């Protein structure tokens, strides 16, 4: 996981999760990010970010404009 890239993309990911009505995952990812900043353990952030990618894929199947391709690509790069 690239911390610098993740730091830039997390706010956009959380915002998009809320827009696609996945507020539970948005709050979990937000909590995991704050936790990561405190303990530097990326396990939760990685797991929730991967869940976000899955949620985005489902949303894009229903409506290709639901989630910007750039947000998905940025999140994938941050996870790599």
N, C-alpha and C. Protein backbone atom coordinates (compact mmCIF):
# COMPACT_ATOMS: atom_id res chain seq x y z
N UNK A 1 0.84 -1.18 0.00
CA UNK A 1 0.00 0.00 0.00
C UNK A 1 0.89 1.24 0.00
N UNK A 2 0.57 2.20 -0.86
CA UNK A 2 1.30 3.45 -0.93
C UNK A 2 0.57 4.48 -0.06
N UNK A 3 1.15 4.81 1.08
CA UNK A 3 0.51 5.68 2.05
C UNK A 3 0.22 7.07 1.49
N UNK A 4 1.16 7.63 0.75
CA UNK A 4 0.95 8.98 0.20
C UNK A 4 -0.21 9.01 -0.78
N UNK A 5 -0.28 8.02 -1.66
CA UNK A 5 -1.37 7.96 -2.63
C UNK A 5 -2.69 7.69 -1.92
N UNK A 6 -2.65 6.82 -0.93
CA UNK A 6 -3.87 6.49 -0.19
C UNK A 6 -4.40 7.72 0.53
N UNK A 7 -3.49 8.51 1.09
CA UNK A 7 -3.89 9.71 1.81
C UNK A 7 -4.64 10.68 0.89
N UNK A 8 -4.23 10.74 -0.38
CA UNK A 8 -4.87 11.64 -1.34
C UNK A 8 -6.22 11.10 -1.82
N UNK A 9 -6.36 9.79 -1.94
CA UNK A 9 -7.56 9.21 -2.54
C UNK A 9 -8.66 8.87 -1.52
N UNK A 10 -8.30 8.66 -0.27
CA UNK A 10 -9.29 8.25 0.74
C UNK A 10 -10.49 9.20 0.83
N UNK A 11 -10.30 10.52 0.89
CA UNK A 11 -11.47 11.40 0.97
C UNK A 11 -12.43 11.24 -0.21
N UNK A 12 -11.90 11.08 -1.42
CA UNK A 12 -12.74 10.90 -2.60
C UNK A 12 -13.48 9.56 -2.56
N UNK A 13 -12.79 8.54 -2.08
CA UNK A 13 -13.40 7.21 -1.98
C UNK A 13 -14.55 7.24 -0.98
N UNK A 14 -14.33 7.84 0.16
CA UNK A 14 -15.37 7.93 1.19
C UNK A 14 -16.57 8.72 0.65
N UNK A 15 -16.29 9.82 -0.03
CA UNK A 15 -17.37 10.64 -0.60
C UNK A 15 -18.18 9.84 -1.62
N UNK A 16 -17.51 9.10 -2.49
CA UNK A 16 -18.21 8.30 -3.49
C UNK A 16 -19.02 7.17 -2.86
N UNK A 17 -18.47 6.55 -1.82
CA UNK A 17 -19.23 5.50 -1.13
C UNK A 17 -20.52 6.06 -0.56
N UNK A 18 -20.45 7.27 0.00
CA UNK A 18 -21.65 7.88 0.54
C UNK A 18 -22.64 8.21 -0.57
N UNK A 19 -22.15 8.65 -1.73
CA UNK A 19 -23.03 8.99 -2.86
C UNK A 19 -23.73 7.77 -3.42
N UNK A 20 -23.07 6.61 -3.38
CA UNK A 20 -23.72 5.40 -3.88
C UNK A 20 -24.47 4.67 -2.76
N UNK A 21 -24.70 5.39 -1.69
CA UNK A 21 -25.51 4.91 -0.56
C UNK A 21 -24.89 3.74 0.19
N UNK A 22 -23.56 3.71 0.24
CA UNK A 22 -22.87 2.68 1.01
C UNK A 22 -22.21 3.35 2.21
N UNK A 23 -23.04 3.96 3.05
CA UNK A 23 -22.53 4.75 4.17
C UNK A 23 -21.84 3.89 5.22
N UNK A 24 -22.28 2.64 5.36
CA UNK A 24 -21.65 1.74 6.33
C UNK A 24 -20.18 1.53 5.99
N UNK A 25 -19.91 1.19 4.73
CA UNK A 25 -18.53 0.96 4.29
C UNK A 25 -17.73 2.27 4.36
N UNK A 26 -18.37 3.39 4.03
CA UNK A 26 -17.68 4.68 4.09
C UNK A 26 -17.21 4.96 5.52
N UNK A 27 -18.08 4.72 6.49
CA UNK A 27 -17.69 4.99 7.88
C UNK A 27 -16.64 3.99 8.36
N UNK A 28 -16.73 2.74 7.92
CA UNK A 28 -15.72 1.74 8.30
C UNK A 28 -14.35 2.09 7.72
N UNK A 29 -14.33 2.52 6.46
CA UNK A 29 -13.08 2.90 5.82
C UNK A 29 -12.48 4.13 6.50
N UNK A 30 -13.33 5.07 6.83
CA UNK A 30 -12.87 6.27 7.52
C UNK A 30 -12.25 5.90 8.87
N UNK A 31 -12.91 5.03 9.61
CA UNK A 31 -12.41 4.60 10.91
C UNK A 31 -11.08 3.88 10.76
N UNK A 32 -11.00 2.99 9.76
CA UNK A 32 -9.76 2.24 9.54
C UNK A 32 -8.62 3.17 9.15
N UNK A 33 -8.92 4.21 8.39
CA UNK A 33 -7.87 5.15 7.98
C UNK A 33 -7.31 5.89 9.19
N UNK A 34 -8.19 6.36 10.06
CA UNK A 34 -7.74 7.06 11.28
C UNK A 34 -6.94 6.09 12.15
N UNK A 35 -7.42 4.87 12.26
CA UNK A 35 -6.71 3.86 13.04
C UNK A 35 -5.32 3.62 12.46
N UNK A 36 -5.24 3.52 11.13
CA UNK A 36 -3.94 3.32 10.48
C UNK A 36 -2.99 4.47 10.78
N UNK A 37 -3.50 5.69 10.76
CA UNK A 37 -2.65 6.85 11.03
C UNK A 37 -2.09 6.79 12.44
N UNK A 38 -2.81 6.16 13.35
CA UNK A 38 -2.34 6.05 14.72
C UNK A 38 -1.39 4.88 14.95
N UNK A 39 -1.69 3.72 14.35
CA UNK A 39 -0.88 2.53 14.67
C UNK A 39 -0.04 2.00 13.50
N UNK A 40 -0.20 2.59 12.30
CA UNK A 40 0.56 2.18 11.12
C UNK A 40 0.33 0.72 10.71
N UNK A 41 -0.79 0.15 11.11
CA UNK A 41 -1.16 -1.21 10.71
C UNK A 41 -2.16 -1.11 9.56
N UNK A 42 -1.75 -1.44 8.32
CA UNK A 42 -2.60 -1.20 7.15
C UNK A 42 -3.65 -2.27 6.86
N UNK A 43 -3.74 -3.31 7.66
CA UNK A 43 -4.63 -4.44 7.35
C UNK A 43 -6.08 -3.99 7.14
N UNK A 44 -6.61 -3.21 8.05
CA UNK A 44 -8.01 -2.77 7.95
C UNK A 44 -8.24 -1.86 6.76
N UNK A 45 -7.32 -0.94 6.53
CA UNK A 45 -7.45 -0.01 5.40
C UNK A 45 -7.45 -0.78 4.08
N UNK A 46 -6.55 -1.72 3.95
CA UNK A 46 -6.46 -2.52 2.73
C UNK A 46 -7.74 -3.31 2.51
N UNK A 47 -8.23 -3.95 3.56
CA UNK A 47 -9.45 -4.76 3.44
C UNK A 47 -10.65 -3.89 3.04
N UNK A 48 -10.81 -2.76 3.69
CA UNK A 48 -11.95 -1.89 3.39
C UNK A 48 -11.81 -1.22 2.03
N UNK A 49 -10.59 -0.91 1.63
CA UNK A 49 -10.37 -0.33 0.30
C UNK A 49 -10.71 -1.34 -0.79
N UNK A 50 -10.38 -2.60 -0.55
CA UNK A 50 -10.74 -3.64 -1.51
C UNK A 50 -12.26 -3.83 -1.58
N UNK A 51 -12.92 -3.73 -0.42
CA UNK A 51 -14.39 -3.78 -0.41
C UNK A 51 -14.96 -2.60 -1.19
N UNK A 52 -14.33 -1.44 -1.05
CA UNK A 52 -14.78 -0.25 -1.78
C UNK A 52 -14.65 -0.48 -3.29
N UNK A 53 -13.55 -1.09 -3.72
CA UNK A 53 -13.39 -1.39 -5.14
C UNK A 53 -14.50 -2.31 -5.63
N UNK A 54 -14.86 -3.29 -4.83
CA UNK A 54 -15.96 -4.19 -5.20
C UNK A 54 -17.28 -3.43 -5.29
N UNK A 55 -17.52 -2.56 -4.32
CA UNK A 55 -18.75 -1.76 -4.32
C UNK A 55 -18.79 -0.85 -5.54
N UNK A 56 -17.64 -0.27 -5.89
CA UNK A 56 -17.58 0.60 -7.07
C UNK A 56 -17.85 -0.20 -8.34
N UNK A 57 -17.34 -1.42 -8.41
CA UNK A 57 -17.56 -2.26 -9.59
C UNK A 57 -19.05 -2.54 -9.76
N UNK A 58 -19.72 -2.85 -8.67
CA UNK A 58 -21.17 -3.10 -8.72
C UNK A 58 -21.91 -1.84 -9.16
N UNK A 59 -21.54 -0.70 -8.60
CA UNK A 59 -22.19 0.56 -8.94
C UNK A 59 -21.96 0.91 -10.41
N UNK A 60 -20.76 0.64 -10.91
CA UNK A 60 -20.45 0.95 -12.31
C UNK A 60 -21.17 0.01 -13.27
N UNK A 61 -21.50 -1.21 -12.83
CA UNK A 61 -22.27 -2.12 -13.67
C UNK A 61 -23.68 -1.57 -13.87
N UNK A 62 -24.24 -1.00 -12.82
CA UNK A 62 -25.60 -0.44 -12.90
C UNK A 62 -25.61 0.88 -13.66
N UNK A 63 -24.58 1.70 -13.44
CA UNK A 63 -24.50 3.01 -14.07
C UNK A 63 -23.02 3.37 -14.19
N UNK A 64 -22.52 3.40 -15.41
CA UNK A 64 -21.08 3.61 -15.62
C UNK A 64 -20.61 4.97 -15.10
N UNK A 65 -21.52 5.91 -14.93
CA UNK A 65 -21.13 7.23 -14.44
C UNK A 65 -21.29 7.37 -12.93
N UNK A 66 -21.67 6.29 -12.26
CA UNK A 66 -21.89 6.35 -10.81
C UNK A 66 -20.59 6.64 -10.06
N UNK A 67 -19.51 6.07 -10.53
CA UNK A 67 -18.19 6.26 -9.90
C UNK A 67 -17.19 6.57 -11.00
N UNK A 68 -16.48 7.66 -10.85
CA UNK A 68 -15.50 8.05 -11.86
C UNK A 68 -14.39 7.00 -11.98
N UNK A 69 -14.01 6.74 -13.21
CA UNK A 69 -12.94 5.77 -13.46
C UNK A 69 -11.65 6.19 -12.77
N UNK A 70 -11.40 7.49 -12.70
CA UNK A 70 -10.18 8.00 -12.08
C UNK A 70 -10.12 7.63 -10.59
N UNK A 71 -11.25 7.69 -9.90
CA UNK A 71 -11.27 7.35 -8.47
C UNK A 71 -10.91 5.86 -8.30
N UNK A 72 -11.47 5.03 -9.16
CA UNK A 72 -11.19 3.58 -9.10
C UNK A 72 -9.71 3.33 -9.38
N UNK A 73 -9.19 3.96 -10.44
CA UNK A 73 -7.78 3.76 -10.80
C UNK A 73 -6.84 4.28 -9.73
N UNK A 74 -7.16 5.44 -9.16
CA UNK A 74 -6.33 6.01 -8.09
C UNK A 74 -6.30 5.09 -6.87
N UNK A 75 -7.45 4.52 -6.55
CA UNK A 75 -7.51 3.61 -5.40
C UNK A 75 -6.72 2.34 -5.69
N UNK A 76 -6.82 1.84 -6.90
CA UNK A 76 -6.05 0.63 -7.27
C UNK A 76 -4.56 0.90 -7.19
N UNK A 77 -4.12 2.08 -7.66
CA UNK A 77 -2.71 2.43 -7.60
C UNK A 77 -2.24 2.58 -6.15
N UNK A 78 -3.08 3.14 -5.30
CA UNK A 78 -2.71 3.32 -3.90
C UNK A 78 -2.58 1.98 -3.20
N UNK A 79 -3.39 1.03 -3.59
CA UNK A 79 -3.32 -0.31 -2.99
C UNK A 79 -2.13 -1.11 -3.49
N UNK A 80 -1.67 -0.84 -4.70
CA UNK A 80 -0.59 -1.62 -5.31
C UNK A 80 0.72 -1.49 -4.57
